[in-house]
């Protein structure tokens, strides 16, 4: 790489010149940052943040989201709530949306929306993934987890919970060994049946489904242990459903 032939001060001067000329040279910026300047960023003083912003833009241009994300996190920590940082986040999402034919891009976009707390858009990303692969039980599980998290929505809490229940159920049908989906099904059924808006008939059916899910979990644990665990012990092995990690 050409950047390996430069010392950090020469690299700093080159990046500064490109900023002043308002030219990007994205691939060169990434190389110079990766192979040289990031190891000397502590010597840049306040100019570091202009360089980090330059790196974010270059990373997005060249689809090096790993590099762009690292610098964006640093900028966000230094300038929380900054308009410039929010603009960079918007550029990051736009960069991903250019690659929407790629399933991995949909998943990465979903992760980014989750980090932003935008669960509706994250759910949309998973809906698109389900359309591309309707037999992938992990997609159904993750979509259900997102809808489960939206249960606190005052306008559609119960609706989201019923959707979560339905998709957890479908995930369990596609892969009966998906214990995470079974546990999610149990939790969502419990939430739905405890709602004051739930009819008596629906409550009965939902409670039966919750009982079935718990029994399925117990059956799977009994095959892995010498002594079968009862329902209460099984539930102690699970924490709250988390959507910050991929299923």
C-alpha atoms as a PDB file:
ATOM      1  CA  UNK A   1       0.000   0.000   0.000  1.00  0.00           C
ATOM      2  CA  UNK A   2       1.184   3.518  -0.819  1.00  0.00           C
ATOM      3  CA  UNK A   3       0.335   4.655   2.704  1.00  0.00           C
ATOM      4  CA  UNK A   4       2.958   2.307   4.110  1.00  0.00           C
ATOM      5  CA  UNK A   5       5.627   4.467   2.471  1.00  0.00           C
ATOM      6  CA  UNK A   6       4.446   7.579   4.326  1.00  0.00           C
ATOM      7  CA  UNK A   7       4.987   8.613   7.907  1.00  0.00           C
ATOM      8  CA  UNK A   8       2.016   9.679   9.972  1.00  0.00           C
ATOM      9  CA  UNK A   9       2.674  13.404   9.541  1.00  0.00           C
ATOM     10  CA  UNK A  10       2.730  13.074   5.746  1.00  0.00           C
ATOM     11  CA  UNK A  11      -0.536  11.132   5.896  1.00  0.00           C
ATOM     12  CA  UNK A  12      -2.097  13.791   8.100  1.00  0.00           C
ATOM     13  CA  UNK A  13      -1.066  16.501   5.637  1.00  0.00           C
ATOM     14  CA  UNK A  14      -2.446  14.535   2.689  1.00  0.00           C
ATOM     15  CA  UNK A  15      -5.839  13.965   4.350  1.00  0.00           C
ATOM     16  CA  UNK A  16      -5.955  17.629   5.335  1.00  0.00           C
ATOM     17  CA  UNK A  17      -5.278  18.667   1.734  1.00  0.00           C
ATOM     18  CA  UNK A  18      -8.096  16.461   0.469  1.00  0.00           C
ATOM     19  CA  UNK A  19     -10.490  17.950   3.021  1.00  0.00           C
ATOM     20  CA  UNK A  20      -9.538  21.469   1.965  1.00  0.00           C
ATOM     21  CA  UNK A  21     -10.027  20.547  -1.706  1.00  0.00           C
ATOM     22  CA  UNK A  22     -13.349  18.893  -0.825  1.00  0.00           C
ATOM     23  CA  UNK A  23     -12.292  15.676  -2.591  1.00  0.00           C
ATOM     24  CA  UNK A  24     -12.872  12.243  -1.118  1.00  0.00           C
ATOM     25  CA  UNK A  25     -10.283   9.732  -2.449  1.00  0.00           C
ATOM     26  CA  UNK A  26     -12.141   7.174  -0.352  1.00  0.00           C
ATOM     27  CA  UNK A  27     -10.025   4.090  -0.983  1.00  0.00           C
ATOM     28  CA  UNK A  28      -6.792   5.983  -0.358  1.00  0.00           C
ATOM     29  CA  UNK A  29      -8.214   7.473   2.850  1.00  0.00           C
ATOM     30  CA  UNK A  30      -9.141   4.016   4.111  1.00  0.00           C
ATOM     31  CA  UNK A  31      -5.672   2.629   3.316  1.00  0.00           C
ATOM     32  CA  UNK A  32      -3.875   5.545   4.940  1.00  0.00           C
ATOM     33  CA  UNK A  33      -6.056   5.321   8.027  1.00  0.00           C
ATOM     34  CA  UNK A  34      -5.863   1.556   8.387  1.00  0.00           C
ATOM     35  CA  UNK A  35      -2.169   1.114   7.743  1.00  0.00           C
ATOM     36  CA  UNK A  36      -0.817   4.249   9.324  1.00  0.00           C
ATOM     37  CA  UNK A  37      -2.757   7.108  10.867  1.00  0.00           C
ATOM     38  CA  UNK A  38      -5.122   5.236  13.204  1.00  0.00           C
ATOM     39  CA  UNK A  39      -2.072   4.189  15.202  1.00  0.00           C
ATOM     40  CA  UNK A  40      -1.156   7.852  15.749  1.00  0.00           C
ATOM     41  CA  UNK A  41      -4.591   9.384  16.244  1.00  0.00           C
ATOM     42  CA  UNK A  42      -3.665  10.362  19.798  1.00  0.00           C
ATOM     43  CA  UNK A  43      -1.161  12.816  18.269  1.00  0.00           C
ATOM     44  CA  UNK A  44      -3.719  14.593  16.101  1.00  0.00           C
ATOM     45  CA  UNK A  45      -5.265  16.751  18.813  1.00  0.00           C
ATOM     46  CA  UNK A  46      -8.641  18.212  17.893  1.00  0.00           C
ATOM     47  CA  UNK A  47      -7.976  17.465  14.237  1.00  0.00           C
ATOM     48  CA  UNK A  48      -8.572  13.824  15.065  1.00  0.00           C
ATOM     49  CA  UNK A  49     -12.311  14.334  14.880  1.00  0.00           C
ATOM     50  CA  UNK A  50     -12.185  15.852  11.401  1.00  0.00           C
ATOM     51  CA  UNK A  51     -10.109  12.859  10.320  1.00  0.00           C
ATOM     52  CA  UNK A  52     -12.535  10.421  11.959  1.00  0.00           C
ATOM     53  CA  UNK A  53     -15.408  12.070  10.054  1.00  0.00           C
ATOM     54  CA  UNK A  54     -13.394  11.815   6.846  1.00  0.00           C
ATOM     55  CA  UNK A  55     -12.855   8.109   7.547  1.00  0.00           C
ATOM     56  CA  UNK A  56     -16.575   7.515   8.142  1.00  0.00           C
ATOM     57  CA  UNK A  57     -17.461   9.017   4.754  1.00  0.00           C
ATOM     58  CA  UNK A  58     -14.678   7.091   3.029  1.00  0.00           C
ATOM     59  CA  UNK A  59     -15.760   3.855   4.689  1.00  0.00           C
ATOM     60  CA  UNK A  60     -19.342   4.333   3.552  1.00  0.00           C
ATOM     61  CA  UNK A  61     -18.233   5.193   0.005  1.00  0.00           C
ATOM     62  CA  UNK A  62     -16.155   2.037  -0.280  1.00  0.00           C
ATOM     63  CA  UNK A  63     -18.603  -0.108   1.729  1.00  0.00           C
ATOM     64  CA  UNK A  64     -16.059  -0.659   4.516  1.00  0.00           C
ATOM     65  CA  UNK A  65     -18.786  -0.485   7.129  1.00  0.00           C
ATOM     66  CA  UNK A  66     -16.557  -2.023   9.779  1.00  0.00           C
ATOM     67  CA  UNK A  67     -14.144   0.906   9.572  1.00  0.00           C
ATOM     68  CA  UNK A  68     -16.902   3.506   9.225  1.00  0.00           C
ATOM     69  CA  UNK A  69     -18.750   2.117  12.237  1.00  0.00           C
ATOM     70  CA  UNK A  70     -15.680   2.237  14.473  1.00  0.00           C
ATOM     71  CA  UNK A  71     -15.028   5.907  13.711  1.00  0.00           C
ATOM     72  CA  UNK A  72     -18.721   6.743  13.974  1.00  0.00           C
ATOM     73  CA  UNK A  73     -18.869   5.230  17.454  1.00  0.00           C
ATOM     74  CA  UNK A  74     -15.867   7.344  18.490  1.00  0.00           C
ATOM     75  CA  UNK A  75     -17.516  10.501  17.124  1.00  0.00           C
ATOM     76  CA  UNK A  76     -20.812   9.694  18.813  1.00  0.00           C
ATOM     77  CA  UNK A  77     -19.076   9.243  22.159  1.00  0.00           C
ATOM     78  CA  UNK A  78     -17.207  12.521  21.762  1.00  0.00           C
ATOM     79  CA  UNK A  79     -20.167  14.527  20.440  1.00  0.00           C
ATOM     80  CA  UNK A  80     -23.383  12.873  21.644  1.00  0.00           C
ATOM     81  CA  UNK A  81     -26.458  14.336  19.997  1.00  0.00           C
ATOM     82  CA  UNK A  82     -24.400  16.308  17.466  1.00  0.00           C
ATOM     83  CA  UNK A  83     -26.161  17.258  14.248  1.00  0.00           C
ATOM     84  CA  UNK A  84     -23.087  16.265  12.238  1.00  0.00           C
ATOM     85  CA  UNK A  85     -23.022  12.837  13.862  1.00  0.00           C
ATOM     86  CA  UNK A  86     -26.733  12.359  13.161  1.00  0.00           C
ATOM     87  CA  UNK A  87     -26.067  13.271   9.533  1.00  0.00           C
ATOM     88  CA  UNK A  88     -23.317  10.643   9.363  1.00  0.00           C
ATOM     89  CA  UNK A  89     -25.689   8.049  10.815  1.00  0.00           C
ATOM     90  CA  UNK A  90     -28.181   8.899   8.097  1.00  0.00           C
ATOM     91  CA  UNK A  91     -25.478   8.453   5.471  1.00  0.00           C
ATOM     92  CA  UNK A  92     -24.636   5.076   6.988  1.00  0.00           C
ATOM     93  CA  UNK A  93     -28.213   3.873   6.599  1.00  0.00           C
ATOM     94  CA  UNK A  94     -28.410   5.196   3.045  1.00  0.00           C
ATOM     95  CA  UNK A  95     -25.210   3.345   2.159  1.00  0.00           C
ATOM     96  CA  UNK A  96     -26.710   0.077   3.348  1.00  0.00           C
ATOM     97  CA  UNK A  97     -29.945   0.657   1.498  1.00  0.00           C
ATOM     98  CA  UNK A  98     -27.991   0.681  -1.767  1.00  0.00           C
ATOM     99  CA  UNK A  99     -27.243  -2.997  -1.248  1.00  0.00           C
ATOM    100  CA  UNK A 100     -30.703  -4.257  -0.428  1.00  0.00           C
ATOM    101  CA  UNK A 101     -30.491  -7.228  -2.803  1.00  0.00           C
ATOM    102  CA  UNK A 102     -27.937  -8.663  -0.411  1.00  0.00           C
ATOM    103  CA  UNK A 103     -29.391 -10.634   2.514  1.00  0.00           C
ATOM    104  CA  UNK A 104     -26.404  -9.789   4.712  1.00  0.00           C
ATOM    105  CA  UNK A 105     -27.027  -6.096   4.071  1.00  0.00           C
ATOM    106  CA  UNK A 106     -30.636  -6.460   5.260  1.00  0.00           C
ATOM    107  CA  UNK A 107     -29.372  -8.107   8.445  1.00  0.00           C
ATOM    108  CA  UNK A 108     -26.767  -5.438   9.008  1.00  0.00           C
ATOM    109  CA  UNK A 109     -29.323  -2.711   8.397  1.00  0.00           C
ATOM    110  CA  UNK A 110     -31.600  -4.411  10.912  1.00  0.00           C
ATOM    111  CA  UNK A 111     -28.775  -4.381  13.474  1.00  0.00           C
ATOM    112  CA  UNK A 112     -28.188  -0.682  12.908  1.00  0.00           C
ATOM    113  CA  UNK A 113     -31.878   0.179  13.290  1.00  0.00           C
ATOM    114  CA  UNK A 114     -31.941  -1.792  16.531  1.00  0.00           C
ATOM    115  CA  UNK A 115     -28.967   0.179  17.841  1.00  0.00           C
ATOM    116  CA  UNK A 116     -30.929   3.330  17.018  1.00  0.00           C
ATOM    117  CA  UNK A 117     -33.994   1.940  18.813  1.00  0.00           C
ATOM    118  CA  UNK A 118     -36.055   2.093  15.612  1.00  0.00           C
ATOM    119  CA  UNK A 119     -37.890  -1.217  16.008  1.00  0.00           C
ATOM    120  CA  UNK A 120     -40.436  -0.602  13.264  1.00  0.00           C
ATOM    121  CA  UNK A 121     -37.739  -0.257  10.610  1.00  0.00           C
ATOM    122  CA  UNK A 122     -35.820  -3.184  12.060  1.00  0.00           C
ATOM    123  CA  UNK A 123     -38.969  -5.294  11.793  1.00  0.00           C
ATOM    124  CA  UNK A 124     -39.358  -4.213   8.165  1.00  0.00           C
ATOM    125  CA  UNK A 125     -35.832  -5.463   7.414  1.00  0.00           C
ATOM    126  CA  UNK A 126     -36.668  -8.864   8.876  1.00  0.00           C
ATOM    127  CA  UNK A 127     -39.915  -8.977   6.875  1.00  0.00           C
ATOM    128  CA  UNK A 128     -37.856  -8.540   3.715  1.00  0.00           C
ATOM    129  CA  UNK A 129     -35.514 -11.334   4.777  1.00  0.00           C
ATOM    130  CA  UNK A 130     -38.457 -13.645   5.426  1.00  0.00           C
ATOM    131  CA  UNK A 131     -39.754 -12.919   1.928  1.00  0.00           C
ATOM    132  CA  UNK A 132     -36.389 -13.895   0.446  1.00  0.00           C
ATOM    133  CA  UNK A 133     -36.184 -17.090   2.495  1.00  0.00           C
ATOM    134  CA  UNK A 134     -39.564 -18.119   3.943  1.00  0.00           C
ATOM    135  CA  UNK A 135     -38.180 -21.361   5.377  1.00  0.00           C
ATOM    136  CA  UNK A 136     -35.479 -19.840   7.592  1.00  0.00           C
ATOM    137  CA  UNK A 137     -36.651 -20.347  11.172  1.00  0.00           C
ATOM    138  CA  UNK A 138     -34.032 -17.930  12.515  1.00  0.00           C
ATOM    139  CA  UNK A 139     -35.580 -15.054  10.554  1.00  0.00           C
ATOM    140  CA  UNK A 140     -38.993 -15.805  12.044  1.00  0.00           C
ATOM    141  CA  UNK A 141     -37.490 -15.991  15.522  1.00  0.00           C
ATOM    142  CA  UNK A 142     -35.718 -12.671  15.266  1.00  0.00           C
ATOM    143  CA  UNK A 143     -38.720 -10.929  13.757  1.00  0.00           C
ATOM    144  CA  UNK A 144     -40.862 -12.284  16.600  1.00  0.00           C
ATOM    145  CA  UNK A 145     -38.345 -11.007  19.160  1.00  0.00           C
ATOM    146  CA  UNK A 146     -38.512  -7.519  17.675  1.00  0.00           C
ATOM    147  CA  UNK A 147     -42.322  -7.544  17.777  1.00  0.00           C
ATOM    148  CA  UNK A 148     -42.149  -8.854  21.348  1.00  0.00           C
ATOM    149  CA  UNK A 149     -39.989  -5.868  22.267  1.00  0.00           C
ATOM    150  CA  UNK A 150     -42.655  -3.600  20.761  1.00  0.00           C
ATOM    151  CA  UNK A 151     -45.237  -4.910  23.248  1.00  0.00           C
ATOM    152  CA  UNK A 152     -44.806  -1.698  25.253  1.00  0.00           C
ATOM    153  CA  UNK A 153     -46.112   0.366  22.369  1.00  0.00           C
ATOM    154  CA  UNK A 154     -49.255   2.035  23.804  1.00  0.00           C
ATOM    155  CA  UNK A 155     -50.944   2.039  20.390  1.00  0.00           C
ATOM    156  CA  UNK A 156     -50.303  -1.518  19.304  1.00  0.00           C
ATOM    157  CA  UNK A 157     -48.894  -3.463  22.217  1.00  0.00           C
ATOM    158  CA  UNK A 158     -51.339  -6.370  22.076  1.00  0.00           C
ATOM    159  CA  UNK A 159     -51.235  -6.524  18.278  1.00  0.00           C
ATOM    160  CA  UNK A 160     -47.446  -6.722  18.349  1.00  0.00           C
ATOM    161  CA  UNK A 161     -47.582  -9.429  20.981  1.00  0.00           C
ATOM    162  CA  UNK A 162     -50.006 -11.502  18.919  1.00  0.00           C
ATOM    163  CA  UNK A 163     -47.749 -11.130  15.891  1.00  0.00           C
ATOM    164  CA  UNK A 164     -44.807 -12.226  18.028  1.00  0.00           C
ATOM    165  CA  UNK A 165     -46.743 -15.261  19.195  1.00  0.00           C
ATOM    166  CA  UNK A 166     -47.626 -16.182  15.614  1.00  0.00           C
ATOM    167  CA  UNK A 167     -44.053 -15.920  14.343  1.00  0.00           C
ATOM    168  CA  UNK A 168     -42.549 -17.728  17.316  1.00  0.00           C
ATOM    169  CA  UNK A 169     -45.043 -20.484  16.596  1.00  0.00           C
ATOM    170  CA  UNK A 170     -44.067 -20.601  12.911  1.00  0.00           C
ATOM    171  CA  UNK A 171     -40.366 -20.719  13.819  1.00  0.00           C
ATOM    172  CA  UNK A 172     -41.035 -23.677  16.106  1.00  0.00           C
ATOM    173  CA  UNK A 173     -42.931 -25.441  13.319  1.00  0.00           C
ATOM    174  CA  UNK A 174     -40.077 -24.917  10.869  1.00  0.00           C
ATOM    175  CA  UNK A 175     -37.551 -26.177  13.404  1.00  0.00           C
ATOM    176  CA  UNK A 176     -39.017 -28.089  16.382  1.00  0.00           C
ATOM    177  CA  UNK A 177     -35.587 -27.972  18.017  1.00  0.00           C
ATOM    178  CA  UNK A 178     -35.580 -24.170  18.197  1.00  0.00           C
ATOM    179  CA  UNK A 179     -35.831 -23.797  21.969  1.00  0.00           C
ATOM    180  CA  UNK A 180     -35.445 -20.032  21.739  1.00  0.00           C
ATOM    181  CA  UNK A 181     -38.600 -19.876  19.618  1.00  0.00           C
ATOM    182  CA  UNK A 182     -40.432 -22.168  22.034  1.00  0.00           C
ATOM    183  CA  UNK A 183     -39.461 -19.996  24.967  1.00  0.00           C
ATOM    184  CA  UNK A 184     -40.525 -16.883  23.062  1.00  0.00           C
ATOM    185  CA  UNK A 185     -43.811 -18.583  22.276  1.00  0.00           C
ATOM    186  CA  UNK A 186     -44.334 -19.306  25.968  1.00  0.00           C
ATOM    187  CA  UNK A 187     -43.581 -15.709  26.970  1.00  0.00           C
ATOM    188  CA  UNK A 188     -45.737 -14.132  24.258  1.00  0.00           C
ATOM    189  CA  UNK A 189     -48.641 -16.453  25.062  1.00  0.00           C
ATOM    190  CA  UNK A 190     -48.339 -15.510  28.725  1.00  0.00           C
ATOM    191  CA  UNK A 191     -48.407 -11.813  27.835  1.00  0.00           C
ATOM    192  CA  UNK A 192     -51.413 -12.158  25.516  1.00  0.00           C
ATOM    193  CA  UNK A 193     -53.452 -14.233  27.957  1.00  0.00           C
ATOM    194  CA  UNK A 194     -52.833 -11.733  30.755  1.00  0.00           C
ATOM    195  CA  UNK A 195     -54.183  -8.814  28.700  1.00  0.00           C
ATOM    196  CA  UNK A 196     -57.538  -7.394  29.760  1.00  0.00           C
ATOM    197  CA  UNK A 197     -58.389  -7.062  26.059  1.00  0.00           C
ATOM    198  CA  UNK A 198     -58.069 -10.794  25.517  1.00  0.00           C
ATOM    199  CA  UNK A 199     -61.392 -12.642  25.197  1.00  0.00           C
ATOM    200  CA  UNK A 200     -62.133 -15.676  27.367  1.00  0.00           C
ATOM    201  CA  UNK A 201     -61.903 -18.051  24.408  1.00  0.00           C
ATOM    202  CA  UNK A 202     -58.659 -16.588  23.141  1.00  0.00           C
ATOM    203  CA  UNK A 203     -57.218 -16.653  26.663  1.00  0.00           C
ATOM    204  CA  UNK A 204     -58.024 -20.353  26.974  1.00  0.00           C
ATOM    205  CA  UNK A 205     -56.455 -21.192  23.605  1.00  0.00           C
ATOM    206  CA  UNK A 206     -53.389 -19.092  24.349  1.00  0.00           C
ATOM    207  CA  UNK A 207     -52.869 -20.690  27.754  1.00  0.00           C
ATOM    208  CA  UNK A 208     -53.056 -24.115  26.136  1.00  0.00           C
ATOM    209  CA  UNK A 209     -50.425 -23.069  23.607  1.00  0.00           C
ATOM    210  CA  UNK A 210     -48.200 -21.767  26.409  1.00  0.00           C
ATOM    211  CA  UNK A 211     -48.535 -25.088  28.228  1.00  0.00           C
ATOM    212  CA  UNK A 212     -47.628 -26.956  25.039  1.00  0.00           C
ATOM    213  CA  UNK A 213     -44.540 -24.768  24.483  1.00  0.00           C
ATOM    214  CA  UNK A 214     -43.315 -25.322  28.023  1.00  0.00           C
ATOM    215  CA  UNK A 215     -43.829 -29.072  27.681  1.00  0.00           C
ATOM    216  CA  UNK A 216     -41.839 -29.081  24.413  1.00  0.00           C
ATOM    217  CA  UNK A 217     -38.981 -27.250  26.151  1.00  0.00           C
ATOM    218  CA  UNK A 218     -39.061 -29.747  29.010  1.00  0.00           C
ATOM    219  CA  UNK A 219     -38.998 -32.671  26.578  1.00  0.00           C
ATOM    220  CA  UNK A 220     -35.925 -31.304  24.850  1.00  0.00           C
ATOM    221  CA  UNK A 221     -34.110 -30.708  28.099  1.00  0.00           C
ATOM    222  CA  UNK A 222     -34.986 -34.172  29.348  1.00  0.00           C
ATOM    223  CA  UNK A 223     -33.178 -35.671  26.377  1.00  0.00           C
ATOM    224  CA  UNK A 224     -30.018 -33.791  27.294  1.00  0.00           C
ATOM    225  CA  UNK A 225     -30.016 -34.414  31.050  1.00  0.00           C
ATOM    226  CA  UNK A 226     -30.139 -37.440  33.267  1.00  0.00           C
ATOM    227  CA  UNK A 227     -33.085 -36.061  35.175  1.00  0.00           C
ATOM    228  CA  UNK A 228     -35.781 -34.038  33.443  1.00  0.00           C
ATOM    229  CA  UNK A 229     -36.195 -30.486  34.665  1.00  0.00           C
ATOM    230  CA  UNK A 230     -39.595 -29.179  35.631  1.00  0.00           C
ATOM    231  CA  UNK A 231     -41.011 -26.052  34.016  1.00  0.00           C
ATOM    232  CA  UNK A 232     -39.984 -23.620  36.728  1.00  0.00           C
ATOM    233  CA  UNK A 233     -36.369 -24.835  36.673  1.00  0.00           C
ATOM    234  CA  UNK A 234     -36.241 -24.582  32.890  1.00  0.00           C
ATOM    235  CA  UNK A 235     -37.448 -20.983  32.903  1.00  0.00           C
ATOM    236  CA  UNK A 236     -34.704 -20.110  35.392  1.00  0.00           C
ATOM    237  CA  UNK A 237     -32.123 -21.013  32.730  1.00  0.00           C
ATOM    238  CA  UNK A 238     -33.441 -18.329  30.376  1.00  0.00           C
ATOM    239  CA  UNK A 239     -33.071 -14.595  30.720  1.00  0.00           C
ATOM    240  CA  UNK A 240     -35.286 -12.033  29.049  1.00  0.00           C
ATOM    241  CA  UNK A 241     -35.415 -12.275  25.286  1.00  0.00           C
ATOM    242  CA  UNK A 242     -32.673 -10.141  23.778  1.00  0.00           C
ATOM    243  CA  UNK A 243     -32.680  -8.731  20.262  1.00  0.00           C
ATOM    244  CA  UNK A 244     -29.182  -7.328  20.489  1.00  0.00           C
ATOM    245  CA  UNK A 245     -27.712 -10.666  19.510  1.00  0.00           C
ATOM    246  CA  UNK A 246     -28.554 -12.692  16.454  1.00  0.00           C
ATOM    247  CA  UNK A 247     -30.488 -15.843  17.131  1.00  0.00           C
END
